[in-house]
Every structure is written in structure tokens, then in C-alpha cells.
């Protein structure tokens, strides 16, 4: 019985997607690559004005939110694992330093029930914000982040009854 690993999602079956691998024998993370070319726009180039934000000159909140919305970079990959495990997504250490790219959510958490969900088949995407002065172009096949399989513990009082029905960014559980 397979314990954990990666597969290519159906949409990218014929796109030459590579399964994530570890770069060295002692590496913890599996390197993920971009499944297609993506432009990560600079928040500054898009007209973000800190003075205007401070003075509340944005009359429409959605205008400001659209300026700061992260860009999703598809990987074409899904991950399977044991029920008491998750895949932690982390940025490459060189991305903030060299390219001004940060993972907008800090780290990503891919739960075991995300695999093959109805909404998107468990397609893993990295979300980036570019705080540099220029747009960043990520090319297909370029390494964008890492995934580390980790085990987690449950509290003595743990009780769950919900099952996943959503895809990216939601377990569809209210509260």
C-alpha cells in the first residue's frame, strides 16, 4: 500500500510535468516546479500608494484588495498521504532575497483529504506576492517552492464530523 507521494493532475497529464524530487540526499523538501508561465505583478507597479492607504483615499475597498491579491502559480501536482499527515508548502529561500517573492499565506498546508477532491482534484498551487519594483516572470519548469511531509498530533478532545467538499483554500466548514 502506497503511503505518500505525488501524481500529476489530469489537466496536466500531457504537459511534461515533473514529479517533485528532493535536490540532495539530506534535503527535507521536495522541489515543486511551475506548470506554466506566470507573471507575478509588482505591488508597486500596480499603483499601490502607501500614503493613499494611510489617508484612506481608496473609496472602494475592493480596489485596494485587488491590488494586493496574491497570484496563484499552478504546479500540476497533487499529493497523497496518510490521514495523520499533511504536506507543508514553503517558499524557496532565494525567492524573497533575489526575486522579492513571498508566500502570501506564509506556509501552505495540504491536508490528506485535499487529494482528489471534487473541486480541483487536489491540484497544489503556490500563492505569491511580489514586493519588488518589477514584475517577476516564472517560467514553466522553474522551481518555485518546496513541500515537506509532516505528521501531526490530535488533541484528546478532538471531534470532527465534516468531510471536505471544497478545493483550494477551503474545507467548506463554517465558523
N, C-alpha and C. Protein backbone atom coordinates (compact mmCIF):
# COMPACT_ATOMS: atom_id res chain seq x y z
N UNK A 1 0.83 -1.18 0.00
CA UNK A 1 0.00 0.00 0.00
C UNK A 1 0.89 1.26 0.00
N UNK A 2 0.60 2.18 -0.90
CA UNK A 2 1.37 3.41 -1.01
C UNK A 2 1.10 4.31 0.19
N UNK A 3 2.15 4.92 0.74
CA UNK A 3 2.00 5.76 1.92
C UNK A 3 1.89 7.23 1.59
N UNK A 4 2.77 7.73 0.74
CA UNK A 4 2.76 9.15 0.40
C UNK A 4 3.52 9.35 -0.89
N UNK A 5 3.10 10.36 -1.63
CA UNK A 5 3.78 10.64 -2.88
C UNK A 5 3.03 11.67 -3.70
N UNK A 6 3.41 11.75 -4.96
CA UNK A 6 2.87 12.77 -5.86
C UNK A 6 2.37 12.14 -7.15
N UNK A 7 1.39 12.80 -7.75
CA UNK A 7 0.87 12.41 -9.06
C UNK A 7 0.58 13.69 -9.84
N UNK A 8 0.52 13.56 -11.14
CA UNK A 8 0.16 14.69 -12.00
C UNK A 8 -1.37 14.73 -12.11
N UNK A 9 -1.97 15.93 -11.97
CA UNK A 9 -3.41 16.06 -12.12
C UNK A 9 -3.78 15.88 -13.59
N UNK A 10 -5.01 15.45 -13.84
CA UNK A 10 -5.45 15.12 -15.20
C UNK A 10 -5.24 16.25 -16.20
N UNK A 11 -5.54 17.47 -15.79
CA UNK A 11 -5.43 18.62 -16.69
C UNK A 11 -4.03 18.76 -17.28
N UNK A 12 -3.01 18.31 -16.57
CA UNK A 12 -1.62 18.47 -16.99
C UNK A 12 -0.95 17.16 -17.40
N UNK A 13 -1.73 16.11 -17.63
CA UNK A 13 -1.18 14.80 -17.95
C UNK A 13 -0.22 14.83 -19.15
N UNK A 14 -0.52 15.63 -20.14
CA UNK A 14 0.30 15.66 -21.36
C UNK A 14 1.14 16.93 -21.45
N UNK A 15 1.42 17.57 -20.30
CA UNK A 15 2.13 18.85 -20.31
C UNK A 15 3.60 18.72 -19.90
N UNK A 16 4.10 17.50 -19.75
CA UNK A 16 5.51 17.32 -19.38
C UNK A 16 5.83 17.76 -17.96
N UNK A 17 4.89 17.58 -17.06
CA UNK A 17 5.08 17.97 -15.66
C UNK A 17 5.97 16.94 -14.97
N UNK A 18 6.94 17.43 -14.18
CA UNK A 18 7.83 16.54 -13.43
C UNK A 18 7.36 16.41 -11.99
N UNK A 19 7.37 15.18 -11.49
CA UNK A 19 7.03 14.89 -10.10
C UNK A 19 8.09 15.54 -9.21
N UNK A 20 7.70 16.18 -8.10
CA UNK A 20 8.69 16.81 -7.21
C UNK A 20 9.70 15.80 -6.68
N UNK A 21 10.95 16.24 -6.61
CA UNK A 21 12.03 15.42 -6.07
C UNK A 21 12.83 16.25 -5.06
N UNK A 22 13.59 15.54 -4.21
CA UNK A 22 14.50 16.22 -3.28
C UNK A 22 15.81 16.48 -4.03
N UNK A 23 16.40 17.65 -3.82
CA UNK A 23 17.61 18.02 -4.55
C UNK A 23 18.83 17.24 -4.06
N UNK A 24 18.88 16.93 -2.77
CA UNK A 24 20.02 16.19 -2.22
C UNK A 24 19.51 15.11 -1.26
N UNK A 25 20.40 14.23 -0.90
CA UNK A 25 20.06 13.12 -0.02
C UNK A 25 19.54 13.59 1.35
N UNK A 26 20.04 14.70 1.86
CA UNK A 26 19.65 15.18 3.18
C UNK A 26 18.59 16.28 3.14
N UNK A 27 18.09 16.62 1.96
CA UNK A 27 17.06 17.66 1.84
C UNK A 27 15.74 17.16 2.43
N UNK A 28 15.05 18.03 3.15
CA UNK A 28 13.74 17.68 3.72
C UNK A 28 12.63 17.91 2.71
N UNK A 29 12.80 18.92 1.87
CA UNK A 29 11.73 19.34 0.97
C UNK A 29 11.85 18.78 -0.43
N UNK A 30 10.68 18.54 -1.02
CA UNK A 30 10.57 18.14 -2.42
C UNK A 30 10.36 19.40 -3.25
N UNK A 31 11.18 19.59 -4.27
CA UNK A 31 11.10 20.81 -5.08
C UNK A 31 9.94 20.75 -6.05
N UNK A 32 9.06 21.77 -5.96
CA UNK A 32 7.94 21.90 -6.88
C UNK A 32 8.31 22.86 -7.99
N UNK A 33 7.82 22.57 -9.19
CA UNK A 33 8.05 23.42 -10.36
C UNK A 33 6.74 24.03 -10.83
N UNK A 34 6.86 25.15 -11.52
CA UNK A 34 5.68 25.78 -12.11
C UNK A 34 5.21 24.95 -13.30
N UNK A 35 3.90 24.78 -13.44
CA UNK A 35 3.32 24.00 -14.53
C UNK A 35 3.13 24.83 -15.80
N UNK A 36 3.24 26.14 -15.66
CA UNK A 36 3.08 27.02 -16.81
C UNK A 36 3.74 28.36 -16.50
N UNK A 37 3.94 29.18 -17.51
CA UNK A 37 4.48 30.52 -17.31
C UNK A 37 3.45 31.38 -16.58
N UNK A 38 3.91 32.13 -15.59
CA UNK A 38 3.04 33.01 -14.81
C UNK A 38 3.79 34.30 -14.51
N UNK A 39 3.10 35.42 -14.62
CA UNK A 39 3.67 36.72 -14.25
C UNK A 39 3.15 37.08 -12.86
N UNK A 40 4.08 37.38 -11.95
CA UNK A 40 3.72 37.84 -10.61
C UNK A 40 3.91 39.36 -10.63
N UNK A 41 2.82 40.13 -10.66
CA UNK A 41 2.96 41.58 -10.78
C UNK A 41 3.50 42.22 -9.50
N UNK A 42 4.28 43.26 -9.68
CA UNK A 42 4.79 44.04 -8.56
C UNK A 42 3.63 44.80 -7.92
N UNK A 43 3.56 44.78 -6.59
CA UNK A 43 2.51 45.54 -5.93
C UNK A 43 2.72 47.04 -6.15
N UNK A 44 3.95 47.46 -6.37
CA UNK A 44 4.25 48.88 -6.59
C UNK A 44 3.88 49.29 -8.01
N UNK A 45 4.16 48.44 -8.95
CA UNK A 45 3.86 48.76 -10.34
C UNK A 45 2.35 48.88 -10.55
N UNK A 46 1.58 48.16 -9.76
CA UNK A 46 0.13 48.18 -9.90
C UNK A 46 -0.48 49.45 -9.32
N UNK A 47 0.35 50.34 -8.80
CA UNK A 47 -0.17 51.61 -8.31
C UNK A 47 -0.44 51.65 -6.82
N UNK A 48 0.14 50.74 -6.08
CA UNK A 48 -0.05 50.76 -4.64
C UNK A 48 0.61 52.00 -4.07
N UNK A 49 -0.13 52.78 -3.35
CA UNK A 49 0.33 54.04 -2.79
C UNK A 49 0.11 54.00 -1.28
N UNK A 50 1.21 53.85 -0.52
CA UNK A 50 1.09 53.74 0.93
C UNK A 50 0.48 54.99 1.55
N UNK A 51 0.79 56.15 1.00
CA UNK A 51 0.21 57.39 1.53
C UNK A 51 -1.31 57.38 1.37
N UNK A 52 -1.77 56.93 0.20
CA UNK A 52 -3.21 56.86 -0.04
C UNK A 52 -3.88 55.87 0.91
N UNK A 53 -3.21 54.76 1.17
CA UNK A 53 -3.77 53.77 2.10
C UNK A 53 -3.87 54.38 3.50
N UNK A 54 -2.79 55.04 3.92
CA UNK A 54 -2.77 55.66 5.24
C UNK A 54 -3.82 56.74 5.40
N UNK A 55 -4.12 57.43 4.33
CA UNK A 55 -5.11 58.50 4.38
C UNK A 55 -6.49 58.03 3.95
N UNK A 56 -6.64 56.73 3.76
CA UNK A 56 -7.90 56.12 3.34
C UNK A 56 -8.48 56.77 2.09
N UNK A 57 -7.61 57.00 1.10
CA UNK A 57 -8.05 57.63 -0.14
C UNK A 57 -8.71 56.64 -1.10
N UNK A 58 -8.61 55.35 -0.77
CA UNK A 58 -9.28 54.36 -1.60
C UNK A 58 -10.75 54.35 -1.19
N UNK A 59 -11.61 54.78 -2.08
CA UNK A 59 -13.03 54.84 -1.75
C UNK A 59 -13.69 53.47 -1.83
N UNK A 60 -13.11 52.60 -2.62
CA UNK A 60 -13.68 51.27 -2.80
C UNK A 60 -12.67 50.24 -2.26
N UNK A 61 -13.06 49.55 -1.19
CA UNK A 61 -12.16 48.57 -0.57
C UNK A 61 -11.73 47.48 -1.57
N UNK A 62 -12.61 47.09 -2.47
CA UNK A 62 -12.27 46.05 -3.45
C UNK A 62 -11.14 46.51 -4.36
N UNK A 63 -11.03 47.82 -4.58
CA UNK A 63 -9.94 48.36 -5.39
C UNK A 63 -8.60 48.06 -4.72
N UNK A 64 -8.51 48.32 -3.44
CA UNK A 64 -7.29 48.06 -2.68
C UNK A 64 -7.00 46.57 -2.62
N UNK A 65 -8.04 45.76 -2.36
CA UNK A 65 -7.85 44.32 -2.27
C UNK A 65 -7.35 43.73 -3.58
N UNK A 66 -7.83 44.25 -4.70
CA UNK A 66 -7.38 43.72 -5.99
C UNK A 66 -5.91 44.03 -6.23
N UNK A 67 -5.43 45.15 -5.68
CA UNK A 67 -4.01 45.50 -5.82
C UNK A 67 -3.12 44.54 -5.04
N UNK A 68 -3.63 44.00 -3.95
CA UNK A 68 -2.82 43.18 -3.06
C UNK A 68 -3.08 41.68 -3.20
N UNK A 69 -3.98 41.29 -4.07
CA UNK A 69 -4.35 39.88 -4.19
C UNK A 69 -3.15 39.04 -4.67
N UNK A 70 -2.88 37.92 -4.00
CA UNK A 70 -1.78 37.05 -4.42
C UNK A 70 -2.03 36.43 -5.79
N UNK A 71 -0.96 36.00 -6.42
CA UNK A 71 -1.04 35.32 -7.71
C UNK A 71 -0.81 33.83 -7.47
N UNK A 72 -1.71 33.00 -8.01
CA UNK A 72 -1.57 31.55 -7.87
C UNK A 72 -0.69 31.00 -8.98
N UNK A 73 0.25 30.16 -8.60
CA UNK A 73 1.12 29.50 -9.57
C UNK A 73 0.81 28.01 -9.53
N UNK A 74 0.25 27.47 -10.61
CA UNK A 74 -0.10 26.05 -10.63
C UNK A 74 1.14 25.17 -10.74
N UNK A 75 1.06 23.99 -10.11
CA UNK A 75 2.16 23.02 -10.20
C UNK A 75 1.81 21.81 -11.06
N UNK A 76 0.51 21.56 -11.26
CA UNK A 76 0.09 20.38 -12.00
C UNK A 76 0.22 19.10 -11.18
N UNK A 77 0.44 19.26 -9.88
CA UNK A 77 0.72 18.12 -8.98
C UNK A 77 -0.34 18.02 -7.90
N UNK A 78 -0.63 16.79 -7.51
CA UNK A 78 -1.44 16.51 -6.32
C UNK A 78 -0.64 15.55 -5.45
N UNK A 79 -0.97 15.51 -4.15
CA UNK A 79 -0.20 14.68 -3.22
C UNK A 79 -1.13 13.77 -2.42
N UNK A 80 -0.70 12.54 -2.24
CA UNK A 80 -1.43 11.61 -1.38
C UNK A 80 -0.56 11.29 -0.17
N UNK A 81 -1.23 11.02 0.95
CA UNK A 81 -0.52 10.77 2.20
C UNK A 81 -1.44 10.08 3.19
N UNK A 82 -0.91 9.72 4.34
CA UNK A 82 -1.68 9.08 5.40
C UNK A 82 -2.60 10.11 6.07
N UNK A 83 -3.64 9.63 6.75
CA UNK A 83 -4.63 10.51 7.38
C UNK A 83 -4.04 11.44 8.43
N UNK A 84 -2.97 11.01 9.12
CA UNK A 84 -2.38 11.84 10.18
C UNK A 84 -1.17 12.62 9.67
N UNK A 85 -1.13 12.92 8.38
CA UNK A 85 -0.04 13.67 7.77
C UNK A 85 -0.59 14.85 6.98
N UNK A 86 0.28 15.80 6.71
CA UNK A 86 -0.04 16.89 5.80
C UNK A 86 1.23 17.25 5.03
N UNK A 87 1.05 17.94 3.94
CA UNK A 87 2.18 18.42 3.16
C UNK A 87 2.31 19.91 3.42
N UNK A 88 3.44 20.33 3.96
CA UNK A 88 3.68 21.74 4.23
C UNK A 88 4.39 22.35 3.02
N UNK A 89 3.82 23.43 2.48
CA UNK A 89 4.42 24.13 1.37
C UNK A 89 5.22 25.31 1.89
N UNK A 90 6.45 25.43 1.44
CA UNK A 90 7.33 26.51 1.87
C UNK A 90 7.96 27.18 0.66
N UNK A 91 8.30 28.43 0.82
CA UNK A 91 8.95 29.20 -0.22
C UNK A 91 10.40 28.72 -0.38
N UNK A 92 10.96 28.92 -1.55
CA UNK A 92 12.39 28.71 -1.72
C UNK A 92 13.11 29.84 -0.99
N UNK A 93 14.21 29.54 -0.34
CA UNK A 93 14.90 30.58 0.43
C UNK A 93 15.41 31.71 -0.44
N UNK A 94 15.66 31.46 -1.70
CA UNK A 94 16.17 32.50 -2.60
C UNK A 94 15.07 33.43 -3.13
N UNK A 95 13.82 33.04 -3.06
CA UNK A 95 12.75 33.85 -3.66
C UNK A 95 12.63 35.26 -3.05
N UNK A 96 12.57 35.41 -1.73
CA UNK A 96 12.46 36.78 -1.20
C UNK A 96 13.74 37.59 -1.43
N UNK A 97 14.88 36.96 -1.25
CA UNK A 97 16.16 37.66 -1.34
C UNK A 97 16.49 38.12 -2.76
N UNK A 98 16.30 37.23 -3.73
CA UNK A 98 16.69 37.54 -5.11
C UNK A 98 15.55 38.05 -5.99
N UNK A 99 14.32 37.61 -5.68
CA UNK A 99 13.21 37.92 -6.59
C UNK A 99 12.07 38.70 -5.92
N UNK A 100 12.18 38.97 -4.63
CA UNK A 100 11.18 39.73 -3.88
C UNK A 100 9.81 39.02 -3.85
N UNK A 101 9.83 37.69 -3.88
CA UNK A 101 8.60 36.91 -3.85
C UNK A 101 8.41 36.29 -2.47
N UNK A 102 7.23 36.49 -1.90
CA UNK A 102 6.91 35.86 -0.62
C UNK A 102 5.66 35.01 -0.80
N UNK A 103 5.59 33.94 -0.03
CA UNK A 103 4.36 33.15 0.00
C UNK A 103 3.34 33.97 0.78
N UNK A 104 2.27 34.29 0.15
CA UNK A 104 1.28 35.19 0.75
C UNK A 104 0.66 34.62 2.01
N UNK A 105 0.56 33.31 2.11
CA UNK A 105 -0.03 32.68 3.29
C UNK A 105 1.03 32.20 4.27
N UNK A 106 2.28 32.60 4.10
CA UNK A 106 3.36 32.19 5.00
C UNK A 106 3.83 30.79 4.69
N UNK A 107 3.00 29.83 4.98
CA UNK A 107 3.21 28.44 4.57
C UNK A 107 1.88 27.91 4.06
N UNK A 108 1.94 26.90 3.25
CA UNK A 108 0.73 26.25 2.78
C UNK A 108 0.55 24.93 3.51
N UNK A 109 -0.68 24.57 3.77
CA UNK A 109 -1.00 23.30 4.41
C UNK A 109 -1.91 22.51 3.48
N UNK A 110 -1.41 21.38 3.00
CA UNK A 110 -2.19 20.49 2.15
C UNK A 110 -2.61 19.30 3.01
N UNK A 111 -3.89 19.23 3.33
CA UNK A 111 -4.42 18.14 4.15
C UNK A 111 -4.56 16.87 3.34
N UNK A 112 -4.59 15.75 4.01
CA UNK A 112 -4.69 14.46 3.31
C UNK A 112 -5.99 14.33 2.53
N UNK A 113 -7.07 14.97 2.99
CA UNK A 113 -8.34 14.86 2.27
C UNK A 113 -8.46 15.86 1.11
N UNK A 114 -7.41 16.63 0.86
CA UNK A 114 -7.38 17.52 -0.30
C UNK A 114 -7.16 16.72 -1.59
N UNK A 115 -6.50 15.57 -1.46
CA UNK A 115 -6.19 14.69 -2.59
C UNK A 115 -7.49 14.26 -3.28
N UNK A 116 -7.54 14.44 -4.59
CA UNK A 116 -8.67 14.03 -5.44
C UNK A 116 -10.01 14.64 -5.03
N UNK A 117 -10.00 15.83 -4.38
CA UNK A 117 -11.29 16.45 -4.04
C UNK A 117 -12.03 16.81 -5.32
N UNK A 118 -13.35 16.94 -5.22
CA UNK A 118 -14.21 17.15 -6.39
C UNK A 118 -13.96 18.47 -7.09
N UNK A 119 -13.56 19.50 -6.36
CA UNK A 119 -13.43 20.83 -6.95
C UNK A 119 -12.25 20.98 -7.89
N UNK A 120 -11.09 20.40 -7.54
CA UNK A 120 -9.91 20.61 -8.37
C UNK A 120 -8.94 19.43 -8.39
N UNK A 121 -9.41 18.26 -7.97
CA UNK A 121 -8.61 17.02 -7.99
C UNK A 121 -7.42 17.07 -7.02
N UNK A 122 -7.35 18.12 -6.19
CA UNK A 122 -6.23 18.22 -5.26
C UNK A 122 -5.04 18.95 -5.83
N UNK A 123 -5.26 19.72 -6.89
CA UNK A 123 -4.18 20.45 -7.56
C UNK A 123 -3.51 21.42 -6.59
N UNK A 124 -2.21 21.28 -6.41
CA UNK A 124 -1.44 22.12 -5.50
C UNK A 124 -0.96 23.37 -6.24
N UNK A 125 -1.22 24.53 -5.60
CA UNK A 125 -0.76 25.80 -6.16
C UNK A 125 -0.04 26.59 -5.07
N UNK A 126 0.93 27.36 -5.47
CA UNK A 126 1.63 28.26 -4.56
C UNK A 126 1.09 29.66 -4.81
N UNK A 127 0.84 30.42 -3.73
CA UNK A 127 0.37 31.79 -3.90
C UNK A 127 1.47 32.78 -3.50
N UNK A 128 1.79 33.66 -4.44
CA UNK A 128 2.89 34.60 -4.24
C UNK A 128 2.43 36.05 -4.29
N UNK A 129 3.15 36.88 -3.53
CA UNK A 129 3.05 38.32 -3.63
C UNK A 129 4.46 38.83 -3.95
N UNK A 130 4.53 39.75 -4.90
CA UNK A 130 5.80 40.32 -5.35
C UNK A 130 5.93 41.72 -4.77
N UNK A 131 6.83 41.91 -3.79
CA UNK A 131 7.03 43.22 -3.21
C UNK A 131 8.19 43.97 -3.86
N UNK A 132 8.71 43.41 -4.96
CA UNK A 132 9.78 44.08 -5.71
C UNK A 132 9.22 45.17 -6.60
N UNK A 133 10.12 45.89 -7.25
CA UNK A 133 9.72 47.02 -8.10
C UNK A 133 9.30 46.60 -9.50
N UNK A 134 9.69 45.40 -9.92
CA UNK A 134 9.37 44.92 -11.27
C UNK A 134 8.56 43.64 -11.21
N UNK A 135 7.78 43.39 -12.25
CA UNK A 135 7.07 42.12 -12.37
C UNK A 135 8.09 40.99 -12.43
N UNK A 136 7.71 39.83 -11.90
CA UNK A 136 8.57 38.65 -11.97
C UNK A 136 7.88 37.63 -12.86
N UNK A 137 8.62 37.10 -13.83
CA UNK A 137 8.10 36.07 -14.71
C UNK A 137 8.63 34.73 -14.23
N UNK A 138 7.70 33.83 -13.91
CA UNK A 138 8.06 32.46 -13.55
C UNK A 138 7.80 31.62 -14.79
N UNK A 139 8.82 30.89 -15.20
CA UNK A 139 8.72 30.06 -16.40
C UNK A 139 8.32 28.63 -16.03
N UNK A 140 7.63 27.99 -16.95
CA UNK A 140 7.26 26.58 -16.76
C UNK A 140 8.53 25.78 -16.49
N UNK A 141 8.47 24.91 -15.48
CA UNK A 141 9.60 24.06 -15.13
C UNK A 141 10.54 24.68 -14.11
N UNK A 142 10.34 25.96 -13.79
CA UNK A 142 11.17 26.64 -12.81
C UNK A 142 10.76 26.21 -11.40
N UNK A 143 11.76 25.97 -10.53
CA UNK A 143 11.47 25.60 -9.15
C UNK A 143 10.90 26.82 -8.41
N UNK A 144 9.77 26.62 -7.74
CA UNK A 144 9.09 27.74 -7.09
C UNK A 144 8.95 27.57 -5.58
N UNK A 145 9.01 26.36 -5.07
CA UNK A 145 8.83 26.13 -3.65
C UNK A 145 9.11 24.69 -3.29
N UNK A 146 8.91 24.38 -2.03
CA UNK A 146 9.17 23.04 -1.53
C UNK A 146 7.97 22.49 -0.77
N UNK A 147 7.88 21.18 -0.75
CA UNK A 147 6.85 20.50 0.03
C UNK A 147 7.51 19.51 0.98
N UNK A 148 7.09 19.54 2.23
CA UNK A 148 7.64 18.64 3.25
C UNK A 148 6.49 17.88 3.89
N UNK A 149 6.55 16.56 3.84
CA UNK A 149 5.54 15.73 4.50
C UNK A 149 5.80 15.73 6.00
N UNK A 150 4.76 16.00 6.78
CA UNK A 150 4.87 16.03 8.24
C UNK A 150 3.70 15.29 8.86
N UNK A 151 3.96 14.71 10.03
CA UNK A 151 2.91 14.08 10.81
C UNK A 151 2.38 15.10 11.81
N UNK A 152 1.11 14.98 12.20
CA UNK A 152 0.56 15.89 13.19
C UNK A 152 -0.15 15.10 14.28
N UNK A 153 -0.31 15.74 15.43
CA UNK A 153 -0.96 15.13 16.59
C UNK A 153 -2.34 15.73 16.77
N UNK A 154 -3.23 15.00 17.41
CA UNK A 154 -4.59 15.46 17.68
C UNK A 154 -4.80 15.59 19.18
N UNK A 155 -5.61 16.56 19.58
CA UNK A 155 -5.93 16.78 20.99
C UNK A 155 -6.83 15.65 21.51
N UNK A 156 -6.77 15.40 22.81
CA UNK A 156 -7.62 14.38 23.42
C UNK A 156 -9.09 14.63 23.14
N UNK A 157 -9.50 15.89 23.08
CA UNK A 157 -10.91 16.26 22.89
C UNK A 157 -11.29 16.35 21.41
N UNK A 158 -10.42 15.96 20.52
CA UNK A 158 -10.65 16.13 19.08
C UNK A 158 -11.91 15.41 18.62
N UNK A 159 -12.80 16.18 17.98
CA UNK A 159 -14.03 15.62 17.41
C UNK A 159 -14.28 16.34 16.09
N UNK A 160 -14.32 15.61 15.03
CA UNK A 160 -14.66 16.19 13.73
C UNK A 160 -15.71 15.32 13.07
N UNK A 161 -16.60 15.97 12.35
CA UNK A 161 -17.61 15.21 11.63
C UNK A 161 -17.69 15.64 10.18
N UNK A 162 -17.08 16.77 9.85
CA UNK A 162 -17.16 17.30 8.48
C UNK A 162 -16.22 16.55 7.55
N UNK A 163 -16.60 16.49 6.31
CA UNK A 163 -15.73 15.95 5.27
C UNK A 163 -15.52 17.05 4.23
N UNK A 164 -14.37 17.02 3.59
CA UNK A 164 -14.03 18.05 2.62
C UNK A 164 -14.94 17.96 1.40
N UNK A 165 -15.44 19.10 1.01
CA UNK A 165 -16.20 19.19 -0.23
C UNK A 165 -15.62 20.26 -1.15
N UNK A 166 -14.72 21.09 -0.63
CA UNK A 166 -14.16 22.19 -1.41
C UNK A 166 -12.76 21.91 -1.89
N UNK A 167 -12.28 22.81 -2.71
CA UNK A 167 -10.93 22.69 -3.27
C UNK A 167 -9.99 23.65 -2.60
N UNK A 168 -9.27 24.43 -3.40
CA UNK A 168 -8.21 25.31 -2.93
C UNK A 168 -8.74 26.33 -1.92
N UNK A 169 -8.08 26.40 -0.77
CA UNK A 169 -8.37 27.44 0.20
C UNK A 169 -9.61 27.25 1.05
N UNK A 170 -10.21 26.08 1.01
CA UNK A 170 -11.43 25.92 1.81
C UNK A 170 -11.72 24.47 2.10
N UNK A 171 -12.10 24.23 3.34
CA UNK A 171 -12.62 22.91 3.69
C UNK A 171 -14.14 22.96 3.69
N UNK A 172 -14.69 24.13 3.35
CA UNK A 172 -16.14 24.38 3.33
C UNK A 172 -16.79 24.14 4.68
N UNK A 173 -16.06 24.41 5.75
CA UNK A 173 -16.60 24.28 7.10
C UNK A 173 -16.83 25.70 7.62
N UNK A 174 -18.05 25.99 8.03
CA UNK A 174 -18.39 27.32 8.54
C UNK A 174 -17.97 27.45 10.00
N UNK A 175 -17.71 28.68 10.45
CA UNK A 175 -17.37 29.10 11.81
C UNK A 175 -16.04 29.73 11.84
